[in-house]
Amino acid sequence: MSSKTSKKNASMDALLNAAAEPEKETAQNEPVIEPVKRGKGRPKKAEGNRQQLPTYLPEPLYFEMLDYVNLKKRSDRQYSLNDLVLEGLDLWLASIGKPSISELIKENK
């Protein structure tokens, strides 16, 4: 037991001595790295200004949309709920005689 106690005392002495020593000047010679300044929030996407529009859909409609999206993914290509909503909005714009989404985006550029 006495050997463990002496080892503990020796390590405690080393810690106390290290804490009492003044800091070395090498820390002052190192270049100071400034933190990166960031803006608030998420960065804007490069592809046009987009606005979020949360929608609260009736549950049966939501599940029908998910089924359709999953069917498209299996047969066609990558397809998302957002793609389906945009496709529906394009059809609505056409039904009221307005330009398509792609035409609106081109006009605003």
N, C-alpha and C. Protein backbone atom coordinates (compact mmCIF):
# COMPACT_ATOMS: atom_id res chain seq x y z
N MET A 1 0.80 -1.19 0.00
CA MET A 1 0.00 0.00 0.00
C MET A 1 0.84 1.26 0.00
N SER A 2 1.95 1.19 0.65
CA SER A 2 2.78 2.40 0.76
C SER A 2 3.33 2.82 -0.61
N SER A 3 3.57 1.86 -1.51
CA SER A 3 4.09 2.22 -2.83
C SER A 3 3.03 2.94 -3.65
N LYS A 4 1.74 2.53 -3.53
CA LYS A 4 0.67 3.23 -4.25
C LYS A 4 0.49 4.64 -3.72
N THR A 5 0.58 4.80 -2.41
CA THR A 5 0.40 6.12 -1.81
C THR A 5 1.53 7.04 -2.22
N SER A 6 2.74 6.54 -2.28
CA SER A 6 3.87 7.39 -2.67
C SER A 6 3.77 7.78 -4.15
N LYS A 7 3.26 6.86 -5.00
CA LYS A 7 3.08 7.19 -6.41
C LYS A 7 2.02 8.28 -6.56
N LYS A 8 0.94 8.17 -5.79
CA LYS A 8 -0.10 9.18 -5.85
C LYS A 8 0.42 10.53 -5.38
N ASN A 9 1.18 10.53 -4.32
CA ASN A 9 1.75 11.79 -3.80
C ASN A 9 2.72 12.40 -4.81
N ALA A 10 3.48 11.56 -5.49
CA ALA A 10 4.44 12.06 -6.47
C ALA A 10 3.69 12.68 -7.65
N SER A 11 2.63 12.06 -8.09
CA SER A 11 1.89 12.63 -9.21
C SER A 11 1.17 13.91 -8.79
N MET A 12 0.70 13.97 -7.57
CA MET A 12 0.06 15.20 -7.08
C MET A 12 1.08 16.33 -7.00
N ASP A 13 2.30 16.01 -6.55
CA ASP A 13 3.35 17.02 -6.49
C ASP A 13 3.68 17.54 -7.89
N ALA A 14 3.72 16.63 -8.88
CA ALA A 14 4.03 17.03 -10.24
C ALA A 14 2.94 17.96 -10.77
N LEU A 15 1.69 17.66 -10.48
CA LEU A 15 0.59 18.52 -10.92
C LEU A 15 0.66 19.88 -10.26
N LEU A 16 0.92 19.91 -8.98
CA LEU A 16 0.99 21.18 -8.26
C LEU A 16 2.14 22.03 -8.77
N ASN A 17 3.29 21.39 -9.04
CA ASN A 17 4.45 22.12 -9.56
C ASN A 17 4.18 22.66 -10.96
N ALA A 18 3.50 21.87 -11.79
CA ALA A 18 3.19 22.31 -13.15
C ALA A 18 2.23 23.48 -13.13
N ALA A 19 1.28 23.46 -12.19
CA ALA A 19 0.31 24.55 -12.10
C ALA A 19 0.97 25.83 -11.60
N ALA A 20 1.98 25.70 -10.79
CA ALA A 20 2.64 26.87 -10.23
C ALA A 20 3.61 27.53 -11.21
N GLU A 21 4.08 26.78 -12.26
CA GLU A 21 5.02 27.35 -13.22
C GLU A 21 4.33 28.40 -14.10
N PRO A 22 5.03 29.47 -14.42
CA PRO A 22 4.43 30.48 -15.31
C PRO A 22 4.33 29.93 -16.73
N GLU A 23 3.38 30.48 -17.50
CA GLU A 23 3.18 30.01 -18.88
C GLU A 23 4.39 30.38 -19.72
N LYS A 24 4.67 29.55 -20.69
CA LYS A 24 5.80 29.80 -21.57
C LYS A 24 5.44 30.85 -22.60
N GLU A 25 6.43 31.50 -23.17
CA GLU A 25 6.20 32.56 -24.14
C GLU A 25 5.82 32.03 -25.51
N THR A 26 5.91 30.73 -25.73
CA THR A 26 5.60 30.18 -27.05
C THR A 26 4.15 30.41 -27.41
N ALA A 27 3.28 30.47 -26.43
CA ALA A 27 1.87 30.70 -26.72
C ALA A 27 1.66 32.09 -27.31
N GLN A 28 2.47 33.06 -26.95
CA GLN A 28 2.33 34.42 -27.45
C GLN A 28 2.84 34.53 -28.90
N ASN A 29 3.78 33.69 -29.28
CA ASN A 29 4.34 33.75 -30.62
C ASN A 29 3.46 33.09 -31.68
N GLU A 30 2.48 32.29 -31.27
CA GLU A 30 1.61 31.61 -32.22
C GLU A 30 0.65 32.61 -32.85
N PRO A 31 0.34 32.42 -34.13
CA PRO A 31 -0.62 33.34 -34.77
C PRO A 31 -2.01 33.16 -34.18
N VAL A 32 -2.74 34.25 -34.09
CA VAL A 32 -4.09 34.20 -33.55
C VAL A 32 -5.06 33.88 -34.69
N ILE A 33 -5.88 32.89 -34.48
CA ILE A 33 -6.85 32.50 -35.50
C ILE A 33 -8.20 33.09 -35.10
N GLU A 34 -8.70 33.95 -35.96
CA GLU A 34 -10.00 34.58 -35.70
C GLU A 34 -11.12 33.62 -36.06
N PRO A 35 -12.19 33.58 -35.26
CA PRO A 35 -13.32 32.71 -35.62
C PRO A 35 -14.03 33.24 -36.87
N VAL A 36 -14.61 32.33 -37.62
CA VAL A 36 -15.32 32.70 -38.84
C VAL A 36 -16.61 33.40 -38.45
N LYS A 37 -16.85 34.57 -39.04
CA LYS A 37 -18.09 35.28 -38.76
C LYS A 37 -19.16 34.77 -39.70
N ARG A 38 -20.29 34.40 -39.15
CA ARG A 38 -21.37 33.86 -39.94
C ARG A 38 -22.62 34.72 -39.77
N GLY A 39 -23.40 34.75 -40.80
CA GLY A 39 -24.66 35.47 -40.74
C GLY A 39 -25.67 34.68 -39.93
N LYS A 40 -26.78 35.30 -39.65
CA LYS A 40 -27.82 34.61 -38.89
C LYS A 40 -28.62 33.72 -39.82
N GLY A 41 -29.04 32.58 -39.33
CA GLY A 41 -29.90 31.69 -40.09
C GLY A 41 -29.15 30.88 -41.13
N ARG A 42 -29.91 30.18 -41.94
CA ARG A 42 -29.34 29.35 -42.98
C ARG A 42 -28.95 30.20 -44.17
N PRO A 43 -27.92 29.80 -44.89
CA PRO A 43 -27.55 30.55 -46.10
C PRO A 43 -28.63 30.40 -47.16
N LYS A 44 -28.80 31.43 -47.97
CA LYS A 44 -29.80 31.39 -49.03
C LYS A 44 -29.33 30.44 -50.13
N LYS A 45 -30.28 29.78 -50.76
CA LYS A 45 -29.95 28.88 -51.86
C LYS A 45 -29.61 29.71 -53.08
N ALA A 46 -28.71 29.20 -53.89
CA ALA A 46 -28.27 29.92 -55.08
C ALA A 46 -29.36 29.95 -56.15
N GLU A 47 -30.23 28.97 -56.15
CA GLU A 47 -31.22 28.83 -57.20
C GLU A 47 -32.49 29.61 -56.84
N GLY A 48 -32.51 30.90 -57.12
CA GLY A 48 -33.71 31.72 -56.92
C GLY A 48 -34.13 31.84 -55.48
N ASN A 49 -35.01 32.77 -55.24
CA ASN A 49 -35.56 32.93 -53.90
C ASN A 49 -36.75 32.00 -53.75
N ARG A 50 -36.72 31.20 -52.74
CA ARG A 50 -37.80 30.26 -52.48
C ARG A 50 -38.42 30.59 -51.14
N GLN A 51 -39.69 30.36 -51.05
CA GLN A 51 -40.42 30.58 -49.81
C GLN A 51 -40.99 29.25 -49.34
N GLN A 52 -40.94 29.03 -48.04
CA GLN A 52 -41.55 27.83 -47.49
C GLN A 52 -43.03 28.07 -47.29
N LEU A 53 -43.82 27.04 -47.51
CA LEU A 53 -45.26 27.12 -47.32
C LEU A 53 -45.72 25.84 -46.65
N PRO A 54 -45.80 25.86 -45.32
CA PRO A 54 -46.26 24.64 -44.65
C PRO A 54 -47.72 24.38 -45.03
N THR A 55 -48.03 23.15 -45.31
CA THR A 55 -49.41 22.79 -45.64
C THR A 55 -49.88 21.72 -44.68
N TYR A 56 -51.10 21.82 -44.27
CA TYR A 56 -51.70 20.85 -43.37
C TYR A 56 -52.78 20.12 -44.16
N LEU A 57 -52.45 18.92 -44.59
CA LEU A 57 -53.32 18.15 -45.46
C LEU A 57 -54.15 17.16 -44.66
N PRO A 58 -55.37 16.88 -45.14
CA PRO A 58 -56.12 15.79 -44.50
C PRO A 58 -55.32 14.49 -44.65
N GLU A 59 -55.36 13.68 -43.63
CA GLU A 59 -54.53 12.47 -43.61
C GLU A 59 -54.75 11.56 -44.82
N PRO A 60 -56.00 11.31 -45.24
CA PRO A 60 -56.17 10.43 -46.42
C PRO A 60 -55.50 11.00 -47.67
N LEU A 61 -55.58 12.30 -47.86
CA LEU A 61 -54.93 12.93 -49.01
C LEU A 61 -53.42 12.78 -48.94
N TYR A 62 -52.86 13.00 -47.75
CA TYR A 62 -51.42 12.87 -47.55
C TYR A 62 -50.95 11.46 -47.92
N PHE A 63 -51.69 10.44 -47.46
CA PHE A 63 -51.28 9.06 -47.75
C PHE A 63 -51.43 8.73 -49.23
N GLU A 64 -52.45 9.28 -49.88
CA GLU A 64 -52.60 9.09 -51.33
C GLU A 64 -51.41 9.71 -52.07
N MET A 65 -51.02 10.90 -51.63
CA MET A 65 -49.87 11.57 -52.26
C MET A 65 -48.60 10.75 -52.06
N LEU A 66 -48.40 10.23 -50.85
CA LEU A 66 -47.23 9.40 -50.58
C LEU A 66 -47.23 8.15 -51.46
N ASP A 67 -48.39 7.53 -51.61
CA ASP A 67 -48.48 6.34 -52.47
C ASP A 67 -48.08 6.68 -53.89
N TYR A 68 -48.57 7.81 -54.39
CA TYR A 68 -48.26 8.22 -55.76
C TYR A 68 -46.77 8.50 -55.92
N VAL A 69 -46.19 9.20 -54.95
CA VAL A 69 -44.75 9.53 -54.99
C VAL A 69 -43.93 8.25 -54.98
N ASN A 70 -44.30 7.30 -54.12
CA ASN A 70 -43.55 6.03 -54.05
C ASN A 70 -43.67 5.25 -55.35
N LEU A 71 -44.85 5.30 -55.99
CA LEU A 71 -45.05 4.64 -57.27
C LEU A 71 -44.16 5.27 -58.34
N LYS A 72 -44.08 6.60 -58.35
CA LYS A 72 -43.23 7.31 -59.31
C LYS A 72 -41.77 6.98 -59.08
N LYS A 73 -41.36 6.90 -57.82
CA LYS A 73 -39.96 6.59 -57.51
C LYS A 73 -39.57 5.21 -58.05
N ARG A 74 -40.48 4.25 -57.94
CA ARG A 74 -40.18 2.90 -58.39
C ARG A 74 -40.11 2.81 -59.91
N SER A 75 -40.96 3.54 -60.59
CA SER A 75 -41.05 3.37 -62.03
C SER A 75 -40.20 4.36 -62.82
N ASP A 76 -40.07 5.55 -62.32
CA ASP A 76 -39.59 6.64 -63.15
C ASP A 76 -38.21 7.17 -62.74
N ARG A 77 -38.20 7.94 -61.68
CA ARG A 77 -36.99 8.66 -61.28
C ARG A 77 -37.15 9.11 -59.84
N GLN A 78 -36.20 9.91 -59.38
CA GLN A 78 -36.35 10.50 -58.05
C GLN A 78 -37.54 11.45 -58.08
N TYR A 79 -38.42 11.32 -57.14
CA TYR A 79 -39.64 12.11 -57.12
C TYR A 79 -40.00 12.34 -55.67
N SER A 80 -40.41 13.55 -55.32
CA SER A 80 -40.71 13.86 -53.93
C SER A 80 -42.10 14.47 -53.81
N LEU A 81 -42.55 14.61 -52.58
CA LEU A 81 -43.83 15.28 -52.34
C LEU A 81 -43.79 16.71 -52.89
N ASN A 82 -42.66 17.36 -52.76
CA ASN A 82 -42.51 18.72 -53.27
C ASN A 82 -42.71 18.75 -54.79
N ASP A 83 -42.16 17.76 -55.49
CA ASP A 83 -42.35 17.67 -56.94
C ASP A 83 -43.83 17.54 -57.28
N LEU A 84 -44.54 16.72 -56.50
CA LEU A 84 -45.96 16.51 -56.75
C LEU A 84 -46.75 17.81 -56.52
N VAL A 85 -46.43 18.52 -55.46
CA VAL A 85 -47.12 19.79 -55.16
C VAL A 85 -46.84 20.80 -56.27
N LEU A 86 -45.58 20.90 -56.71
CA LEU A 86 -45.25 21.84 -57.78
C LEU A 86 -45.95 21.47 -59.09
N GLU A 87 -46.06 20.17 -59.36
CA GLU A 87 -46.77 19.72 -60.56
C GLU A 87 -48.25 20.13 -60.49
N GLY A 88 -48.84 19.98 -59.31
CA GLY A 88 -50.24 20.38 -59.11
C GLY A 88 -50.41 21.89 -59.26
N LEU A 89 -49.46 22.66 -58.73
CA LEU A 89 -49.54 24.12 -58.87
C LEU A 89 -49.38 24.55 -60.32
N ASP A 90 -48.54 23.85 -61.06
CA ASP A 90 -48.38 24.13 -62.49
C ASP A 90 -49.70 23.90 -63.23
N LEU A 91 -50.39 22.81 -62.90
CA LEU A 91 -51.68 22.52 -63.52
C LEU A 91 -52.71 23.60 -63.15
N TRP A 92 -52.70 24.02 -61.91
CA TRP A 92 -53.62 25.07 -61.46
C TRP A 92 -53.35 26.38 -62.20
N LEU A 93 -52.08 26.76 -62.32
CA LEU A 93 -51.73 27.99 -63.04
C LEU A 93 -52.20 27.92 -64.50
N ALA A 94 -52.02 26.75 -65.13
CA ALA A 94 -52.46 26.59 -66.51
C ALA A 94 -53.98 26.70 -66.61
N SER A 95 -54.70 26.18 -65.62
CA SER A 95 -56.17 26.21 -65.67
C SER A 95 -56.73 27.62 -65.54
N ILE A 96 -55.99 28.53 -64.93
CA ILE A 96 -56.47 29.91 -64.80
C ILE A 96 -55.78 30.83 -65.81
N GLY A 97 -55.04 30.24 -66.74
CA GLY A 97 -54.44 31.02 -67.82
C GLY A 97 -53.20 31.82 -67.43
N LYS A 98 -52.49 31.37 -66.42
CA LYS A 98 -51.26 32.05 -65.98
C LYS A 98 -50.04 31.30 -66.50
N PRO A 99 -48.87 31.97 -66.54
CA PRO A 99 -47.65 31.28 -66.98
C PRO A 99 -47.25 30.18 -66.00
N SER A 100 -46.50 29.19 -66.51
CA SER A 100 -46.05 28.08 -65.68
C SER A 100 -45.00 28.54 -64.67
N ILE A 101 -44.68 27.67 -63.75
CA ILE A 101 -43.69 28.00 -62.72
C ILE A 101 -42.34 28.31 -63.36
N SER A 102 -41.93 27.50 -64.33
CA SER A 102 -40.63 27.73 -64.98
C SER A 102 -40.62 29.07 -65.71
N GLU A 103 -41.76 29.45 -66.32
CA GLU A 103 -41.83 30.75 -66.99
C GLU A 103 -41.77 31.90 -65.99
N LEU A 104 -42.43 31.73 -64.84
CA LEU A 104 -42.39 32.77 -63.80
C LEU A 104 -40.96 32.95 -63.28
N ILE A 105 -40.24 31.84 -63.12
CA ILE A 105 -38.86 31.92 -62.63
C ILE A 105 -37.98 32.64 -63.65
N LYS A 106 -38.17 32.33 -64.95
CA LYS A 106 -37.38 32.98 -66.00
C LYS A 106 -37.66 34.48 -66.04
N GLU A 107 -38.91 34.89 -65.82
CA GLU A 107 -39.27 36.30 -65.83
C GLU A 107 -38.59 37.08 -64.71
N ASN A 108 -38.42 36.43 -63.56
CA ASN A 108 -37.85 37.11 -62.39
C ASN A 108 -36.34 37.15 -62.39
N LYS A 109 -35.69 36.46 -63.32
CA LYS A 109 -34.21 36.45 -63.34
C LYS A 109 -33.69 37.65 -64.03
